[in-house]
């Protein structure tokens, strides 16, 4: 196994570029440096060394693995825990961690800023208690679909788990294509647990894209390590 002279993405050195084992006109993008790379474990494929959204093809198997890891481990990520604590301490004030926190009972109203690609953000407002008990409406699924920028104000709610490639401005939420999903927290910022399931009752957003004009798969250090650990386990199983 040789790791020398393996290319990485210029925008994300954690992602390796490998030749496809059966298609010489295609490259594999992977979080693993091992060669030959297994297409099953690849992030996706691209015909160029500088992939773009139009030329990149996501690997559905990798996406399933990614969301599985996030579901199990996101609530233990120090950065995600910090968001949950900020949710509990804000008590209705506008938050600064990308506006990634929102009450459980608001139907978010989004205003997309489209003047340029770095202003592609959704602005949400709280609409009061008329829709109490709802988990959100709009883009995506479950909690991740209701995007706002306000604190808990003594109520439970959700926090987004988002890609770090394009952090939103203060008080804003990440663009839907950058949101992996959401975790449920109570009024004290503790992750909600149901039965034997993992903390946070993770809900996949359904809008996430691995490759955008802002880059490819930006994970926190904690989650990246967990995904790589899982990929290595899968790689050992495939090799028998």
Protein backbone atom coordinates (compact mmCIF):
# COMPACT_ATOMS: atom_id res chain seq x y z
CA UNK A 1 0.00 0.00 0.00
CA UNK A 2 1.60 3.24 -1.16
CA UNK A 3 0.41 6.65 -0.02
CA UNK A 4 3.06 8.67 -1.86
CA UNK A 5 2.19 10.98 -4.74
CA UNK A 6 -1.54 10.80 -4.08
CA UNK A 7 -3.28 13.97 -5.20
CA UNK A 8 -5.69 15.81 -2.92
CA UNK A 9 -8.31 18.42 -3.65
CA UNK A 10 -6.86 21.92 -3.72
CA UNK A 11 -9.85 23.17 -1.73
CA UNK A 12 -9.92 20.26 0.73
CA UNK A 13 -6.62 18.43 1.40
CA UNK A 14 -8.48 15.83 3.46
CA UNK A 15 -9.96 14.39 0.27
CA UNK A 16 -7.77 12.16 -1.87
CA UNK A 17 -8.03 11.75 -5.65
CA UNK A 18 -7.47 8.22 -6.93
CA UNK A 19 -7.59 6.67 -10.38
CA UNK A 20 -10.71 4.60 -10.91
CA UNK A 21 -9.75 0.89 -10.88
CA UNK A 22 -11.92 0.04 -13.90
CA UNK A 23 -12.53 3.35 -15.70
CA UNK A 24 -9.32 5.18 -16.70
CA UNK A 25 -11.30 8.31 -17.66
CA UNK A 26 -12.71 8.77 -14.15
CA UNK A 27 -11.23 9.65 -10.76
CA UNK A 28 -12.42 8.59 -7.32
CA UNK A 29 -12.65 11.08 -4.46
CA UNK A 30 -12.12 9.47 -1.07
CA UNK A 31 -11.33 10.23 2.56
CA UNK A 32 -9.04 7.21 2.55
CA UNK A 33 -5.48 7.41 1.14
CA UNK A 34 -5.19 3.66 0.53
CA UNK A 35 -4.71 2.45 -3.02
CA UNK A 36 -6.25 0.95 -5.01
CA UNK A 37 -9.33 2.79 -3.82
CA UNK A 38 -12.62 0.94 -3.54
CA UNK A 39 -15.41 2.69 -5.51
CA UNK A 40 -17.97 1.53 -2.92
CA UNK A 41 -16.30 3.66 -0.23
CA UNK A 42 -15.58 6.68 -2.42
CA UNK A 43 -17.28 10.03 -1.85
CA UNK A 44 -17.99 10.16 -5.56
CA UNK A 45 -16.43 10.32 -9.01
CA UNK A 46 -15.20 13.03 -11.34
CA UNK A 47 -13.64 13.02 -14.83
CA UNK A 48 -11.30 15.86 -13.78
CA UNK A 49 -8.80 16.50 -11.01
CA UNK A 50 -10.62 19.75 -10.20
CA UNK A 51 -14.23 18.59 -9.84
CA UNK A 52 -17.21 20.90 -10.07
CA UNK A 53 -20.88 20.30 -9.25
CA UNK A 54 -21.64 19.74 -12.93
CA UNK A 55 -18.96 17.06 -13.34
CA UNK A 56 -19.10 15.37 -9.93
CA UNK A 57 -21.26 12.30 -9.25
CA UNK A 58 -22.16 11.49 -5.64
CA UNK A 59 -21.87 7.94 -4.34
CA UNK A 60 -25.22 7.02 -2.70
CA UNK A 61 -23.52 4.32 -0.60
CA UNK A 62 -21.16 6.89 0.89
CA UNK A 63 -24.04 9.27 1.65
CA UNK A 64 -25.84 6.53 3.57
CA UNK A 65 -22.68 5.80 5.54
CA UNK A 66 -22.15 9.53 6.20
CA UNK A 67 -25.62 10.06 7.61
CA UNK A 68 -25.32 6.89 9.68
CA UNK A 69 -22.13 8.22 11.29
CA UNK A 70 -23.67 11.65 11.89
CA UNK A 71 -26.74 10.06 13.46
CA UNK A 72 -24.60 8.13 15.94
CA UNK A 73 -21.81 10.61 16.69
CA UNK A 74 -22.95 14.20 16.01
CA UNK A 75 -24.27 14.70 19.54
CA UNK A 76 -20.74 13.98 20.84
CA UNK A 77 -19.05 16.50 18.54
CA UNK A 78 -17.65 19.37 20.67
CA UNK A 79 -18.75 21.96 18.10
CA UNK A 80 -22.29 20.58 17.99
CA UNK A 81 -22.43 20.44 21.78
CA UNK A 82 -21.40 24.11 21.86
CA UNK A 83 -24.32 24.93 19.56
CA UNK A 84 -26.72 23.12 21.88
CA UNK A 85 -25.40 25.05 24.88
CA UNK A 86 -25.75 28.32 22.98
CA UNK A 87 -29.33 27.36 22.19
CA UNK A 88 -30.16 26.98 25.87
CA UNK A 89 -28.34 30.14 26.98
CA UNK A 90 -29.68 32.49 24.31
CA UNK A 91 -33.27 32.63 25.59
CA UNK A 92 -34.63 34.15 22.41
CA UNK A 93 -31.71 36.38 21.47
CA UNK A 94 -30.30 36.24 17.96
CA UNK A 95 -27.50 33.69 17.90
CA UNK A 96 -24.13 33.93 16.25
CA UNK A 97 -23.22 30.33 15.43
CA UNK A 98 -24.51 30.72 11.92
CA UNK A 99 -28.07 31.15 13.11
CA UNK A 100 -28.25 27.39 13.17
CA UNK A 101 -30.63 27.18 16.11
CA UNK A 102 -34.39 27.56 16.06
CA UNK A 103 -37.45 26.89 18.23
CA UNK A 104 -39.42 23.75 17.70
CA UNK A 105 -42.72 25.46 17.04
CA UNK A 106 -42.08 27.98 14.29
CA UNK A 107 -42.84 27.64 10.58
CA UNK A 108 -39.78 29.41 9.19
CA UNK A 109 -40.21 32.06 6.53
CA UNK A 110 -37.18 32.18 4.23
CA UNK A 111 -35.84 35.03 2.20
CA UNK A 112 -33.08 33.92 -0.17
CA UNK A 113 -30.35 36.43 -0.93
CA UNK A 114 -29.24 35.75 -4.53
CA UNK A 115 -27.07 38.71 -5.45
CA UNK A 116 -23.99 36.49 -5.40
CA UNK A 117 -23.08 32.99 -4.34
CA UNK A 118 -21.78 34.03 -0.93
CA UNK A 119 -25.07 35.75 -0.13
CA UNK A 120 -27.12 32.65 -0.79
CA UNK A 121 -28.66 32.46 2.64
CA UNK A 122 -32.09 31.90 4.06
CA UNK A 123 -33.50 34.39 6.59
CA UNK A 124 -36.15 33.14 8.94
CA UNK A 125 -38.43 34.81 11.44
CA UNK A 126 -40.35 33.53 14.40
CA UNK A 127 -44.09 33.60 13.81
CA UNK A 128 -45.34 33.20 17.38
CA UNK A 129 -47.05 30.36 19.11
CA UNK A 130 -49.97 29.79 16.75
CA UNK A 131 -48.27 26.71 15.34
CA UNK A 132 -46.96 25.31 18.63
CA UNK A 133 -45.98 21.67 18.45
CA UNK A 134 -45.04 21.73 14.78
CA UNK A 135 -41.53 20.57 13.94
CA UNK A 136 -41.13 22.81 10.93
CA UNK A 137 -42.27 23.28 7.37
CA UNK A 138 -40.50 24.03 4.11
CA UNK A 139 -37.31 22.66 2.57
CA UNK A 140 -35.93 19.31 3.67
CA UNK A 141 -37.33 16.96 6.24
CA UNK A 142 -38.34 17.24 9.89
CA UNK A 143 -36.49 19.65 12.11
CA UNK A 144 -33.87 20.51 9.52
CA UNK A 145 -36.50 22.01 7.28
CA UNK A 146 -37.45 24.81 9.67
CA UNK A 147 -34.52 27.19 9.63
CA UNK A 148 -34.25 30.15 11.95
CA UNK A 149 -31.81 32.27 13.83
CA UNK A 150 -33.25 32.54 17.32
CA UNK A 151 -32.53 30.93 20.67
CA UNK A 152 -34.55 28.53 22.75
CA UNK A 153 -36.46 31.00 24.92
CA UNK A 154 -37.18 28.21 27.37
CA UNK A 155 -38.44 25.77 24.75
CA UNK A 156 -37.00 22.70 23.12
CA UNK A 157 -36.06 22.72 19.48
CA UNK A 158 -33.47 21.71 16.93
CA UNK A 159 -29.94 22.61 15.92
CA UNK A 160 -28.52 22.08 12.46
CA UNK A 161 -25.52 19.89 11.72
CA UNK A 162 -24.00 21.65 8.73
CA UNK A 163 -21.11 21.42 6.29
CA UNK A 164 -18.27 23.75 7.23
CA UNK A 165 -17.19 24.61 3.67
CA UNK A 166 -19.26 27.79 3.57
CA UNK A 167 -20.05 29.09 7.07
CA UNK A 168 -23.07 31.42 7.16
CA UNK A 169 -22.89 34.99 8.33
CA UNK A 170 -23.80 35.97 11.87
CA UNK A 171 -27.47 35.35 12.59
CA UNK A 172 -28.06 33.43 9.36
CA UNK A 173 -28.75 29.78 8.65
CA UNK A 174 -26.70 27.65 6.30
CA UNK A 175 -27.94 27.19 2.77
CA UNK A 176 -30.06 23.98 2.53
CA UNK A 177 -27.45 22.27 0.34
CA UNK A 178 -25.00 22.61 3.26
CA UNK A 179 -27.25 21.14 5.96
CA UNK A 180 -26.73 17.47 6.79
CA UNK A 181 -29.68 17.33 9.18
CA UNK A 182 -30.79 18.36 12.64
CA UNK A 183 -30.64 17.21 16.25
CA UNK A 184 -33.38 17.74 18.82
CA UNK A 185 -32.54 19.46 22.11
CA UNK A 186 -34.58 20.29 25.18
CA UNK A 187 -34.92 23.71 26.80
CA UNK A 188 -31.68 23.18 28.75
CA UNK A 189 -29.69 22.34 25.62
CA UNK A 190 -29.53 18.60 26.32
CA UNK A 191 -29.92 16.27 23.39
CA UNK A 192 -33.23 14.42 23.41
CA UNK A 193 -33.06 10.63 23.53
CA UNK A 194 -35.78 8.19 22.63
CA UNK A 195 -35.52 4.56 23.74
CA UNK A 196 -32.25 2.91 22.78
CA UNK A 197 -31.62 5.29 19.87
CA UNK A 198 -28.71 7.74 19.71
CA UNK A 199 -28.88 11.15 21.35
CA UNK A 200 -30.55 13.93 19.43
CA UNK A 201 -32.97 11.90 17.30
CA UNK A 202 -31.10 12.97 14.17
CA UNK A 203 -33.27 13.93 11.21
CA UNK A 204 -31.67 13.93 7.78
CA UNK A 205 -32.42 17.15 5.90
CA UNK A 206 -32.73 15.60 2.47
CA UNK A 207 -31.26 18.70 0.83
CA UNK A 208 -27.53 18.15 1.39
CA UNK A 209 -25.16 18.08 -1.58
CA UNK A 210 -21.62 16.70 -1.29
CA UNK A 211 -20.26 19.05 -3.95
CA UNK A 212 -21.25 22.68 -4.41
CA UNK A 213 -19.56 25.73 -5.86
CA UNK A 214 -18.14 26.33 -2.38
CA UNK A 215 -16.31 23.02 -2.17
CA UNK A 216 -16.60 19.34 -1.33
CA UNK A 217 -17.64 17.76 1.98
CA UNK A 218 -16.44 19.96 4.83
CA UNK A 219 -16.68 17.94 8.04
CA UNK A 220 -15.68 19.00 11.54
CA UNK A 221 -12.46 17.32 12.73
CA UNK A 222 -14.46 15.11 15.10
CA UNK A 223 -16.95 13.90 12.51
CA UNK A 224 -14.26 13.49 9.86
CA UNK A 225 -12.33 11.17 12.17
CA UNK A 226 -15.49 9.16 12.88
CA UNK A 227 -16.32 8.84 9.18
CA UNK A 228 -12.75 7.74 8.37
CA UNK A 229 -12.87 5.21 11.21
CA UNK A 230 -16.09 3.76 9.78
CA UNK A 231 -14.67 3.70 6.25
CA UNK A 232 -11.61 1.79 7.45
CA UNK A 233 -13.85 -0.75 9.14
CA UNK A 234 -15.83 -1.18 5.93
CA UNK A 235 -12.61 -1.44 3.93
CA UNK A 236 -11.35 -4.28 6.13
CA UNK A 237 -14.66 -6.11 5.69
CA UNK A 238 -14.52 -5.75 1.91
CA UNK A 239 -10.98 -7.09 1.81
CA UNK A 240 -12.04 -10.09 3.86
